[in-house]
Protein backbone atom coordinates (compact mmCIF):
# COMPACT_ATOMS: atom_id res chain seq x y z
CA MET A 1 85.94 15.60 181.41
CA ASN A 2 85.19 19.06 179.90
CA LEU A 3 85.72 22.46 181.52
CA ASP A 4 82.04 22.71 182.61
CA TYR A 5 82.49 19.60 184.62
CA THR A 6 85.62 20.91 186.40
CA ASP A 7 84.17 24.32 187.06
CA GLU A 8 81.02 22.84 188.50
CA LEU A 9 82.91 20.51 190.77
CA ASN A 10 85.14 23.31 192.03
CA GLU A 11 82.14 25.55 192.73
CA LEU A 12 80.52 22.80 194.83
CA SER A 13 83.57 22.80 197.01
CA ASP A 14 83.47 26.59 197.65
CA PHE A 15 80.34 27.76 199.49
CA SER A 16 80.98 31.39 198.45
CA LYS A 17 80.54 30.43 194.81
CA LEU A 18 77.30 28.51 195.27
CA HIS A 19 74.09 29.91 193.83
CA VAL A 20 70.85 29.02 195.60
CA LEU A 21 67.21 29.34 194.44
CA ILE A 22 64.45 29.18 197.00
CA ILE A 23 60.91 28.85 195.60
CA ASP A 24 58.14 29.24 198.16
CA ASP A 25 55.13 31.56 198.42
CA ASN A 26 55.86 32.16 202.12
CA PRO A 27 58.44 34.95 202.80
CA LEU A 28 59.08 33.58 206.26
CA ILE A 29 60.51 30.40 204.68
CA HIS A 30 62.80 32.58 202.53
CA ASN A 31 64.08 34.36 205.66
CA THR A 32 64.66 31.18 207.66
CA LEU A 33 66.60 29.49 204.84
CA LYS A 34 68.61 32.60 203.96
CA ARG A 35 69.79 33.06 207.52
CA SER A 36 70.75 29.43 207.76
CA PHE A 37 72.72 29.48 204.47
CA VAL A 38 74.42 32.82 205.19
CA GLU A 39 75.77 31.26 208.44
CA LEU A 40 77.34 28.52 206.27
CA GLY A 41 79.02 31.09 204.07
CA ILE A 42 76.49 30.93 201.18
CA HIS A 43 75.56 34.46 200.04
CA ASN A 44 74.35 34.09 196.43
CA ILE A 45 70.68 33.40 197.24
CA LYS A 46 67.68 34.30 195.18
CA CYS A 47 64.05 33.87 196.30
CA ALA A 48 60.87 33.49 194.22
CA GLN A 49 57.29 33.45 195.48
CA ASN A 50 55.88 32.07 192.18
CA SER A 51 57.00 29.79 189.41
CA ALA A 52 57.05 32.43 186.66
CA TYR A 53 59.74 34.46 188.41
CA ALA A 54 61.61 31.27 189.33
CA LEU A 55 61.78 30.31 185.65
CA ARG A 56 63.02 33.80 184.69
CA LEU A 57 65.78 33.55 187.31
CA CYS A 58 66.87 30.14 185.94
CA GLU A 59 67.21 31.63 182.50
CA GLU A 60 69.59 34.21 183.88
CA ILE A 61 71.53 32.28 186.54
CA HIS A 62 72.91 28.75 186.83
CA PHE A 63 71.89 27.48 190.28
CA HIS A 64 73.73 24.79 192.13
CA ILE A 65 70.96 24.31 194.67
CA VAL A 66 67.21 24.51 194.01
CA ILE A 67 64.82 24.34 196.99
CA CYS A 68 61.14 24.20 195.99
CA ALA A 69 57.93 24.12 197.95
CA PHE A 70 55.35 21.64 196.70
CA ASN A 71 52.48 24.04 197.13
CA VAL A 72 53.55 27.12 195.13
CA THR A 73 49.90 27.98 194.86
CA SER A 74 50.08 31.25 192.94
CA ASP A 75 50.43 29.75 189.49
CA LYS A 76 51.65 26.16 189.35
CA ASP A 77 52.54 23.48 191.96
CA GLY A 78 56.07 22.53 192.75
CA PHE A 79 55.74 19.17 190.98
CA HIS A 80 55.04 20.70 187.58
CA LEU A 81 57.52 23.53 188.12
CA LEU A 82 60.34 21.11 188.77
CA GLU A 83 59.24 18.99 185.86
CA GLU A 84 59.54 22.05 183.65
CA LEU A 85 62.91 22.99 185.18
CA LYS A 86 64.22 19.48 184.39
CA PHE A 87 62.78 19.58 180.87
CA LYS A 88 64.49 22.92 180.12
CA GLY A 89 67.83 21.69 181.55
CA PHE A 90 67.86 24.10 184.54
CA VAL A 91 67.89 21.11 186.96
CA SER A 92 69.93 17.90 186.43
CA LYS A 93 71.33 15.05 188.46
CA CYS A 94 74.29 17.35 189.28
CA THR A 95 71.96 19.91 190.82
CA VAL A 96 71.11 19.69 194.51
CA LEU A 97 67.34 19.46 194.47
CA ILE A 98 65.31 19.72 197.69
CA PHE A 99 61.57 19.64 198.17
CA LEU A 100 59.70 21.53 200.94
CA SER A 101 56.26 20.65 202.29
CA SER A 102 54.24 20.77 205.46
CA GLU A 103 52.26 17.79 204.21
CA THR A 104 53.44 14.23 204.20
CA SER A 105 50.46 12.32 202.74
CA GLU A 106 51.15 9.21 200.70
CA THR A 107 50.03 10.77 197.41
CA LEU A 108 52.27 13.83 197.86
CA VAL A 109 55.25 11.71 198.86
CA ASN A 110 54.70 9.49 195.79
CA CYS A 111 54.65 12.53 193.50
CA ILE A 112 57.84 13.90 195.10
CA VAL A 113 59.65 10.55 194.86
CA GLU A 114 58.96 10.45 191.11
CA LEU A 115 61.12 13.59 190.59
CA GLN A 116 63.95 11.98 192.60
CA PRO A 117 64.99 14.96 194.79
CA ASP A 118 68.12 14.74 196.87
CA ASP A 119 66.12 15.46 200.05
CA PHE A 120 62.69 16.28 201.37
CA TRP A 121 62.37 18.81 204.12
CA VAL A 122 59.19 18.97 206.21
CA LYS A 123 58.00 22.34 207.49
CA PRO A 124 58.36 23.93 209.95
CA LEU A 125 62.09 24.08 209.29
CA GLN A 126 64.75 23.81 211.97
CA PRO A 127 67.80 26.04 211.05
CA LEU A 128 70.46 23.71 212.56
CA ALA A 129 68.93 20.63 210.95
CA VAL A 130 68.74 22.47 207.61
CA GLN A 131 72.48 23.35 207.80
CA GLU A 132 73.54 19.81 208.68
CA ARG A 133 71.44 18.20 205.92
CA LEU A 134 72.60 20.63 203.29
CA LYS A 135 76.25 20.10 204.16
CA TYR A 136 75.78 16.31 203.94
CA ILE A 137 73.95 16.56 200.54
CA LEU A 138 76.68 18.82 199.16
CA GLN A 139 79.34 16.32 200.32
CA VAL A 140 77.51 13.52 198.57
CA LYS A 141 77.12 15.54 195.37
CA LYS A 142 80.77 16.56 195.38
CA LYS A 143 82.22 13.09 196.21
CA LEU A 144 80.06 11.31 193.64
CA TYR A 145 79.91 14.06 191.05
CA ASN A 146 81.53 11.95 188.20
CA ILE A 147 78.64 9.44 188.57
CA TYR A 148 76.00 12.15 188.52
CA PHE A 149 77.61 13.77 185.53
CA ALA A 150 77.84 10.43 183.58
CA ILE A 151 74.09 9.81 184.27
CA ASP A 152 73.18 13.30 183.16
CA THR A 153 74.99 12.67 179.80
CA HIS A 154 73.39 9.18 179.57
CA GLU A 155 76.80 7.52 179.83
CA TYR A 156 75.55 4.67 181.95
CA SER A 157 78.56 2.39 181.40
CA THR A 158 80.79 5.24 182.52
CA ALA A 159 78.57 5.66 185.63
CA ILE A 160 79.05 1.98 186.49
CA TYR A 161 82.75 2.26 186.00
CA TYR A 162 82.99 5.14 188.51
CA ALA A 163 80.58 3.36 190.87
CA ASP A 164 82.80 0.29 190.97
CA ARG A 165 85.89 2.45 191.62
CA HIS A 166 84.19 4.32 194.47
CA LEU A 167 82.92 1.18 196.09
CA LYS A 168 86.56 0.04 196.50
CA ASP A 169 87.44 3.28 198.25
CA PRO A 170 87.04 2.79 202.05
CA ASN A 171 86.96 6.62 202.50
CA LEU A 172 83.65 6.63 200.63
CA LYS A 173 81.97 3.91 202.68
CA LYS A 174 79.29 6.21 204.08
CA TYR A 175 78.23 6.99 200.52
CA HIS A 176 78.02 3.33 199.42
CA LEU A 177 74.21 3.17 199.43
CA ASN A 178 74.02 6.20 197.10
CA ILE A 179 76.60 4.62 194.85
CA LEU A 180 74.90 1.19 194.76
CA ARG A 181 71.57 2.72 193.93
CA MET A 182 72.94 4.60 190.93
CA ARG A 183 74.84 1.50 189.78
CA GLY A 184 71.66 -0.55 189.78
CA GLU A 185 69.67 2.12 187.98
CA SER A 186 72.41 2.36 185.36
CA LEU A 187 72.30 -1.40 184.69
CA ILE A 188 68.50 -1.10 184.19
CA ASP A 189 69.01 1.91 181.81
CA LEU A 190 71.48 -0.20 179.85
CA MET A 191 68.81 -2.96 179.67
CA GLU A 192 71.32 -5.36 181.25
CA PHE A 193 68.43 -7.07 183.15
CA GLU A 194 70.18 -10.36 184.01
CA ASP A 195 73.20 -8.41 185.47
CA ALA A 196 70.73 -6.16 187.32
CA GLU A 197 69.00 -9.20 188.77
CA MET A 198 72.28 -10.64 190.06
CA PHE A 199 73.27 -7.24 191.45
CA TYR A 200 70.06 -6.64 193.33
CA ARG A 201 69.82 -10.28 194.46
CA SER A 202 73.27 -10.01 196.06
CA LEU A 203 72.31 -6.75 197.74
CA LEU A 204 69.21 -8.33 199.25
CA ASN A 205 71.27 -10.94 201.01
CA LYS A 206 72.81 -8.07 203.06
CA ILE A 207 70.43 -5.06 202.92
CA LYS A 208 66.63 -4.91 203.03
CA ILE A 209 65.48 -1.53 201.81
CA SER A 210 62.65 -0.45 199.44
CA TRP A 211 64.65 0.71 196.43
CA ILE A 212 66.63 -2.59 196.23
CA TYR A 213 63.39 -4.65 196.31
CA LEU A 214 61.90 -2.42 193.55
CA GLY A 215 65.01 -2.67 191.41
CA PHE A 216 65.08 -6.44 191.86
CA VAL A 217 61.36 -6.65 190.88
CA LYS A 218 61.93 -4.50 187.78
CA SER A 219 64.81 -6.62 186.60
CA LEU A 220 62.77 -9.77 186.89
CA LEU A 221 59.63 -8.38 185.28
CA LYS A 222 61.76 -7.24 182.31
CA GLN A 223 62.81 -10.88 181.97
CA HIS A 224 59.19 -12.18 182.26
CA LYS A 225 60.00 -13.93 185.55
CA ILE A 226 56.83 -12.70 187.41
CA SER A 227 56.10 -16.21 188.69
CA GLU A 228 59.28 -16.10 190.82
CA ILE A 229 58.25 -12.95 192.68
CA GLU A 230 54.43 -13.30 193.20
CA ASP A 231 54.67 -13.35 196.97
CA LEU A 232 57.14 -10.48 197.02
CA LEU A 233 54.85 -8.41 194.87
CA GLU A 234 52.06 -8.92 197.31
CA THR A 235 54.28 -7.81 200.15
CA LEU A 236 55.47 -4.69 198.29
CA ILE A 237 51.89 -3.71 197.47
CA SER A 238 51.01 -3.95 201.16
CA GLN A 239 53.78 -1.43 202.11
CA PRO A 240 53.09 2.34 201.71
CA ASP A 241 56.64 3.13 200.65
CA THR A 242 56.61 0.51 197.81
CA ARG A 243 52.94 0.27 196.83
CA PHE A 244 52.83 2.97 194.23
CA ALA A 245 56.05 2.01 192.45
CA THR A 246 54.94 -1.67 192.37
CA TYR A 247 51.64 -0.83 190.74
CA ASP A 248 53.48 1.19 188.14
CA LEU A 249 55.97 -1.59 187.38
CA LEU A 250 53.11 -4.12 187.05
CA ALA A 251 51.18 -1.83 184.77
CA GLN A 252 54.15 -1.51 182.36
CA TYR A 253 54.77 -5.34 182.59
CA HIS A 254 51.21 -6.11 181.57
CA ILE A 255 51.27 -3.52 178.70
CA GLU A 256 54.47 -5.16 177.34
CA ASN A 257 52.73 -8.53 177.51
CA GLU A 258 49.52 -7.18 175.88
CA GLU A 259 47.45 -7.93 179.03
CA TYR A 260 45.60 -4.68 178.77
CA ASP A 261 42.82 -5.31 181.23
CA LEU A 262 45.38 -6.20 183.94
CA ALA A 263 47.51 -3.24 182.96
CA TYR A 264 44.53 -0.94 183.33
CA ASP A 265 43.72 -2.20 186.81
CA GLU A 266 47.26 -1.51 187.91
CA ILE A 267 47.61 1.98 186.26
CA LYS A 268 44.39 3.14 187.91
CA LYS A 269 45.82 2.24 191.29
CA ALA A 270 49.13 3.95 190.54
CA THR A 271 47.42 7.06 189.21
CA GLU A 272 45.28 7.32 192.33
CA LEU A 273 48.41 7.25 194.49
CA ALA A 274 50.35 9.79 192.35
CA PRO A 275 47.73 11.74 190.35
CA ARG A 276 49.90 14.62 189.03
CA ASN A 277 51.94 12.67 186.43
CA ILE A 278 50.48 13.57 183.00
CA GLU A 279 52.11 10.65 181.18
CA ARG A 280 50.64 8.17 183.64
CA ASN A 281 47.21 9.76 183.15
CA LYS A 282 47.75 9.46 179.44
CA LYS A 283 48.45 5.77 179.81
CA SER A 284 45.36 5.40 181.95
CA TRP A 285 43.30 7.17 179.19
CA ASP A 286 44.66 4.95 176.44
CA LEU A 287 44.05 1.79 178.46
CA ALA A 288 40.54 2.95 179.38
CA ARG A 289 39.78 3.39 175.60
CA LEU A 290 41.21 -0.07 174.86
CA THR A 291 39.10 -1.68 177.55
CA HIS A 292 35.90 0.29 176.69
CA ASP A 293 35.78 2.11 180.01
CA TYR A 294 34.17 5.34 178.84
CA GLU A 295 33.80 6.75 182.36
CA GLY A 296 37.45 5.97 182.96
CA GLN A 297 38.42 7.81 179.76
CA PHE A 298 36.42 10.80 180.86
CA ASN A 299 38.04 10.84 184.34
CA ALA A 300 41.52 10.39 182.94
CA THR A 301 41.24 13.27 180.45
CA LYS A 302 39.75 15.49 183.23
CA ASN A 303 42.76 14.68 185.43
CA MET A 304 45.17 15.48 182.64
CA ALA A 305 43.51 18.89 182.04
CA LYS A 306 43.29 19.60 185.82
CA TYR A 307 46.91 18.77 186.71
CA ALA A 308 48.41 20.17 183.53
CA LYS A 309 46.91 23.64 184.25
CA ASN A 310 49.71 26.24 183.90
CA SER A 311 52.32 23.51 183.45
CA ILE A 312 54.59 22.79 180.53
CA HIS A 313 51.92 20.24 179.39
CA ASP A 314 49.00 22.80 179.26
CA ASN A 315 47.51 23.22 175.83
CA PRO A 316 44.02 23.30 174.18
CA GLU A 317 44.39 19.67 173.05
CA LEU A 318 43.91 18.57 176.65
CA GLN A 319 40.55 20.44 176.82
CA LEU A 320 39.52 19.00 173.45
CA ASN A 321 40.32 15.46 174.70
CA VAL A 322 38.06 15.90 177.72
CA ILE A 323 35.22 17.07 175.50
CA ARG A 324 35.77 14.20 173.09
CA ALA A 325 35.83 11.66 175.94
CA GLY A 326 32.68 13.27 177.35
CA VAL A 327 30.85 12.87 174.03
CA ASP A 328 32.06 9.23 173.82
CA TYR A 329 30.85 8.58 177.39
CA ALA A 330 27.50 10.26 176.77
CA SER A 331 26.98 8.13 173.67
CA THR A 332 27.15 4.94 175.75
CA VAL A 333 24.94 5.75 178.76
CA THR A 334 21.21 5.17 178.59
CA ASP A 335 19.97 7.11 181.58
CA GLU A 336 19.90 10.61 183.08
CA LYS A 337 23.74 10.60 183.36
CA THR A 338 23.79 11.93 179.82
CA PHE A 339 22.77 15.45 180.94
CA SER A 340 25.37 15.61 183.69
CA ILE A 341 28.11 14.52 181.28
CA LEU A 342 27.10 16.97 178.59
CA ASN A 343 26.93 19.78 181.15
CA GLN A 344 30.56 19.06 182.10
CA THR A 345 31.61 19.01 178.46
CA ASP A 346 29.99 22.44 178.00
CA THR A 347 32.12 23.73 180.85
CA PHE A 348 35.31 22.48 179.17
CA MET A 349 34.19 23.92 175.84
CA TYR A 350 33.70 27.32 177.46
CA THR A 351 37.24 27.04 179.03
CA LEU A 352 38.70 26.10 175.66
CA GLU A 353 37.07 29.06 173.89
CA HIS A 354 37.78 31.64 176.47
CA ASP A 355 40.96 30.69 178.36
CA TYR A 356 43.31 30.16 175.42
CA ASP A 357 44.52 32.96 173.19
CA ASP A 358 44.46 31.40 169.73
CA ILE A 359 42.26 28.40 169.02
CA THR A 360 41.83 29.09 165.27
CA MET A 361 44.08 26.14 164.43
CA TYR A 362 41.49 23.92 166.29
CA LYS A 363 38.55 25.22 164.28
CA GLU A 364 37.94 21.95 162.44
CA ALA A 365 38.31 19.87 165.60
CA ILE A 366 35.69 22.00 167.37
CA ILE A 367 33.27 21.76 164.47
CA VAL A 368 33.62 17.89 164.53
CA ILE A 369 32.82 17.95 168.25
CA LYS A 370 29.80 20.20 167.76
CA ALA A 371 28.53 17.88 164.99
CA ARG A 372 28.95 14.89 167.26
CA LEU A 373 26.93 16.69 169.96
CA HIS A 374 24.14 17.35 167.45
CA ALA A 375 24.23 13.68 166.44
CA LEU A 376 24.07 12.62 170.05
CA LYS A 377 20.89 14.75 170.50
CA ASP A 378 19.36 13.11 167.37
CA GLU A 379 19.82 16.41 165.44
CA LYS A 380 21.34 14.47 162.48
CA SER A 381 20.45 17.08 159.82
CA MET A 382 22.29 19.86 161.69
CA ALA A 383 25.31 17.47 162.25
CA GLN A 384 25.30 16.54 158.57
CA ARG A 385 25.31 20.20 157.43
CA LEU A 386 28.27 21.00 159.67
CA ILE A 387 30.24 18.06 158.30
CA ASP A 388 29.28 18.65 154.68
CA ASN A 389 30.17 22.39 154.83
CA ASN A 390 33.41 22.22 156.84
CA ILE A 391 35.00 18.76 157.07
CA SER A 392 37.05 16.85 154.51
CA LEU A 393 38.51 13.38 154.41
CA LYS A 394 42.02 14.78 154.40
CA PRO A 395 43.76 13.49 157.58
CA SER A 396 44.89 16.01 160.21
CA PRO A 397 48.37 15.75 161.77
CA SER A 398 46.48 15.00 165.02
CA ILE A 399 45.56 11.27 165.55
CA GLU A 400 42.91 12.26 168.10
CA GLU A 401 41.22 14.71 165.67
CA ASN A 402 41.21 12.05 162.96
CA LEU A 403 39.65 9.49 165.34
CA ASP A 404 36.95 12.00 166.13
CA LYS A 405 36.28 12.47 162.44
CA VAL A 406 35.94 8.68 162.12
CA LYS A 407 33.38 8.72 164.90
CA ILE A 408 31.18 11.46 163.38
CA PHE A 409 31.21 9.76 159.96
CA HIS A 410 30.24 6.52 161.64
CA GLU A 411 27.55 8.13 163.73
CA LEU A 412 26.04 9.70 160.54
CA GLY A 413 26.06 6.39 158.70
CA GLN A 414 28.87 7.41 156.34
CA ARG A 415 30.70 4.15 156.89
CA GLU A 416 32.73 4.19 153.66
CA GLU A 417 34.29 7.61 154.72
CA SER A 418 34.84 6.23 158.21
CA VAL A 419 36.76 3.22 156.89
CA ILE A 420 38.85 5.32 154.50
CA LEU A 421 39.92 7.62 157.32
CA LEU A 422 40.58 4.75 159.66
CA ASN A 423 43.00 3.27 157.13
CA SER A 424 44.79 6.66 157.04
CA ILE A 425 45.05 6.66 160.81
CA LYS A 426 46.58 3.17 160.76
CA ASN A 427 49.29 4.40 158.35
CA GLN A 428 49.76 7.53 160.52
CA VAL A 429 50.24 5.51 163.72
CA MET A 430 52.59 3.07 161.99
CA GLY A 431 54.79 6.01 160.90
CA ASP A 432 54.78 7.67 164.30
CA CYS A 433 57.64 6.28 166.40
CA PHE A 434 56.16 8.06 169.47
CA ALA A 435 52.76 6.40 169.25
CA SER A 436 52.51 3.91 172.07
CA GLN A 437 51.81 0.19 171.75
CA VAL A 438 48.48 0.78 173.45
CA VAL A 439 47.45 3.47 170.94
CA ASN A 440 48.37 1.15 168.05
CA LYS A 441 46.15 -1.55 169.52
CA TYR A 442 43.32 0.86 170.11
CA VAL A 443 43.32 2.05 166.50
CA GLU A 444 43.30 -1.57 165.37
CA GLN A 445 40.36 -2.34 167.62
CA GLU A 446 38.43 0.72 166.45
CA SER A 447 38.87 -0.38 162.89
CA GLU A 448 37.58 -3.86 163.62
CA GLU A 449 34.60 -2.74 165.67
CA ARG A 450 33.48 0.08 163.36
CA THR A 451 33.58 -2.32 160.42
CA GLU A 452 31.47 -4.87 162.29
CA ILE A 453 29.19 -2.59 164.36
CA HIS A 454 27.43 0.28 162.60
CA PHE A 455 25.83 2.15 165.52
CA THR A 456 26.67 3.66 168.88
CA PRO A 457 25.74 1.84 172.17
CA LYS A 458 22.95 4.41 172.78
CA GLN A 459 21.51 3.87 169.26
CA LEU A 460 21.75 0.10 169.62
CA ASN A 461 19.98 0.24 172.94
CA THR A 462 17.13 2.36 171.46
CA MET A 463 16.82 -0.09 168.57
CA ALA A 464 16.65 -3.00 171.07
CA VAL A 465 13.86 -1.32 173.00
CA GLU A 466 11.84 -1.00 169.77
CA PHE A 467 12.48 -4.63 168.79
CA TYR A 468 11.51 -5.74 172.31
CA LYS A 469 8.16 -3.83 172.15
CA LYS A 470 7.42 -5.61 168.83
CA ASN A 471 8.33 -9.00 170.40
CA LYS A 472 11.34 -9.38 168.08
CA MET A 473 13.59 -10.98 170.63
CA ARG A 474 16.51 -12.09 168.36
CA PRO A 475 17.07 -8.67 166.79
CA ALA A 476 16.77 -7.12 170.28
CA LEU A 477 19.36 -9.61 171.62
CA ASN A 478 21.69 -8.93 168.66
CA SER A 479 21.48 -5.20 169.19
CA LEU A 480 22.19 -5.40 172.87
CA SER A 481 25.02 -7.91 172.35
CA GLN A 482 26.71 -5.41 169.97
CA ALA A 483 26.07 -2.52 172.37
CA LEU A 484 27.61 -4.50 175.25
CA LYS A 485 30.65 -5.44 173.18
CA ILE A 486 31.57 -1.74 172.84
CA ALA A 487 30.22 -0.63 176.26
CA PRO A 488 30.90 -3.61 178.58
CA HIS A 489 30.75 -1.39 181.68
CA ASN A 490 27.17 -0.28 180.92
CA HIS A 491 25.19 -2.15 183.57
CA SER A 492 21.86 -0.95 182.14
CA ILE A 493 22.59 -2.61 178.78
CA ALA A 494 23.74 -5.86 180.50
CA ILE A 495 20.51 -6.02 182.59
CA SER A 496 18.37 -5.35 179.50
CA LEU A 497 20.16 -8.19 177.72
CA LEU A 498 19.42 -10.59 180.61
CA LYS A 499 15.74 -9.55 180.48
CA VAL A 500 15.58 -10.38 176.79
CA LEU A 501 17.23 -13.75 177.38
CA LEU A 502 14.75 -14.55 180.13
CA THR A 503 11.83 -13.72 177.77
CA MET A 504 13.39 -16.05 175.19
CA LYS A 505 13.80 -18.77 177.86
CA ARG A 506 10.15 -18.42 178.89
CA ASP A 507 8.97 -18.66 175.23
CA GLY A 508 11.28 -21.47 174.31
CA GLN A 509 13.25 -19.39 171.76
CA LEU A 510 16.76 -19.98 173.12
CA MET A 511 19.48 -21.07 170.66
CA ALA A 512 22.70 -22.90 171.62
CA ASP A 513 24.93 -19.75 171.61
CA ASN A 514 22.47 -17.78 173.83
CA PHE A 515 23.58 -19.79 176.83
CA GLU A 516 27.18 -18.70 176.33
CA ILE A 517 26.05 -15.07 176.00
CA ALA A 518 24.17 -15.32 179.29
CA ASP A 519 27.11 -17.02 181.09
CA SER A 520 29.51 -14.33 179.89
CA VAL A 521 27.23 -11.49 180.95
CA ILE A 522 26.76 -12.99 184.40
CA ILE A 523 30.48 -13.42 184.86
CA MET A 524 31.08 -9.87 183.75
CA MET A 525 28.44 -8.39 186.10
CA GLU A 526 29.82 -10.41 189.00
CA LYS A 527 33.23 -8.87 188.52
CA GLN A 528 31.91 -5.27 188.35
CA LYS A 529 30.97 -2.90 191.15
CA LEU A 530 27.17 -2.39 190.95
CA GLU A 531 24.91 0.27 192.52
CA VAL A 532 22.57 -1.19 195.20
CA ASN A 533 19.54 -1.16 192.93
CA GLU A 534 21.57 -2.72 190.11
CA GLU A 535 22.84 -5.40 192.46
CA LYS A 536 19.26 -6.31 193.48
CA MET A 537 17.96 -6.37 189.94
CA PHE A 538 20.97 -8.43 188.74
CA LYS A 539 20.43 -11.02 191.60
CA VAL A 540 16.78 -11.41 190.60
CA LEU A 541 17.52 -11.88 186.92
CA LYS A 542 20.44 -14.23 187.56
CA ASP A 543 18.30 -16.44 189.92
CA LYS A 544 15.60 -16.55 187.32
CA TRP A 545 17.95 -17.49 184.57
CA GLN A 546 19.66 -20.20 186.58
CA ASP A 547 16.38 -21.72 187.76
CA GLY A 548 16.09 -24.94 185.72
CA ILE A 549 18.66 -23.87 183.11
CA ASP A 550 20.73 -27.04 183.34
CA GLU A 551 17.70 -29.06 182.16
CA ILE A 552 17.51 -27.15 178.86
CA ARG A 553 21.16 -26.26 178.36
CA PRO A 554 22.62 -28.17 175.30
CA LYS A 555 25.00 -30.94 176.23
CA PRO A 556 28.66 -30.64 175.17
CA PHE A 557 29.48 -32.38 171.91
CA GLU A 558 31.47 -35.07 173.71
CA ALA A 559 28.51 -35.93 175.89
CA VAL A 560 26.10 -35.96 172.97
CA ASP A 561 28.39 -38.31 171.01
CA LYS A 562 28.64 -40.63 173.97
CA VAL A 563 24.86 -40.78 174.36
CA LYS A 564 24.45 -41.66 170.66
CA ILE A 565 27.11 -44.42 170.95
CA ASN A 566 25.43 -45.84 174.03
CA ASP A 567 22.06 -45.72 172.35
CA GLY A 568 23.57 -47.55 169.38
CA LEU A 569 24.81 -50.31 171.69
């Protein structure tokens, strides 16, 4: 081990050398903790009422103990502050990390658990309890320091080696659960999933606690053994202390198996239970795009912008993504929601242009968005002028900006330019090792759909209305089918499609494939949550469609062949 390791370990053993940082906007908390620590012999204590000052202190002083309130309301919350402290290396596994909060809701606890603090203290604080818990945490940190250090340096095999040695030491028996937990996590980090399964399975024969169950589940999911733990998964989902982590594990499992609809269902549940994690919201956004949930995209990007405010993640791109998702959403709705969505995007555009110091580097991206807004309002000539005068086919380093360019070219009917740029994006994603599997799939899907379908859902719906008025049912059905393919959550389009099919049924115009279209729309609508008026309308249309439909539905090929054979006999 190097000198830093030895020095740090020695300092943990000497209270007079410990440096403590307390981050809380309440001076009374500072005083309570300082008095408690001074009585223990800890005198090097710094206090911060906001995260900006806390970060400055961390740049100047190495702290052994960081105590942070969750609700540091003056600039950023404790979750994002500690995320930044970890990112910048001011807090590691070797640091004693303690969270403070007067709240104990499930969502808050989930957010805290994600950062893996050493302890969670609930306000109001009791000085004697604080002293006892801190002494115990320092003992754990000191006794198991070599494991923590190995994990900090990503030496997971070394961590397992030390864990096995410590487990043989009877003097460390009271720390065995801490040791076992780090051993299991190290096996997972090494991707030794079979060994991890055996390890957790043996623990479950003796101990029944949440982290063991979750480690066991993760090791089996990584080996695609979900069928062996279906009942256990149901149980874990029903328990508050394991529900969130189980949803998260299932989402990742379904992504890895390209079951994107199922992954999206799970990630939405996990995000609702722990909304502050930006990476999880990003996954939710990507999966919403892949599954054509435009409202979900809009909500996910809004959450990212909201929870990233003043954090290490905060940047103009997040505001741009909300506006882009808003325009996408508005281009799929066919009712008064459009105005509400566009009003929200205007608010985010104002924030972008007034709250960030330098947005000149986003000039082209903003012009593309403004052109899309003009196109959405049927101001095609204004949109075209903006694009002709300011936008080139040269790809930007930003995948999102390039995708937005594809959309405006597509919306203006410049399909050749759209395809050229999509091909560039494909190459860009293939060369980007950080692009996720879901983003890759989404770009592939965009390429296929924009080659096949030349209009937005709103445009297709408008075309269908005109065809319907002129009694051109097949073109109306085709337009609505295409619209529903790229906007499957638009209930208005689905209802319009059923109305067209009913008209064709009444007039004897149904073709063999129309029955399959109707069946799939009915199944889709039955799975979705409908408004009361939508539910009533859908029930009426469904009943009308199913009335006598079996008498005119084409027989399966096998049945037809059998009838012909029997007739021949």
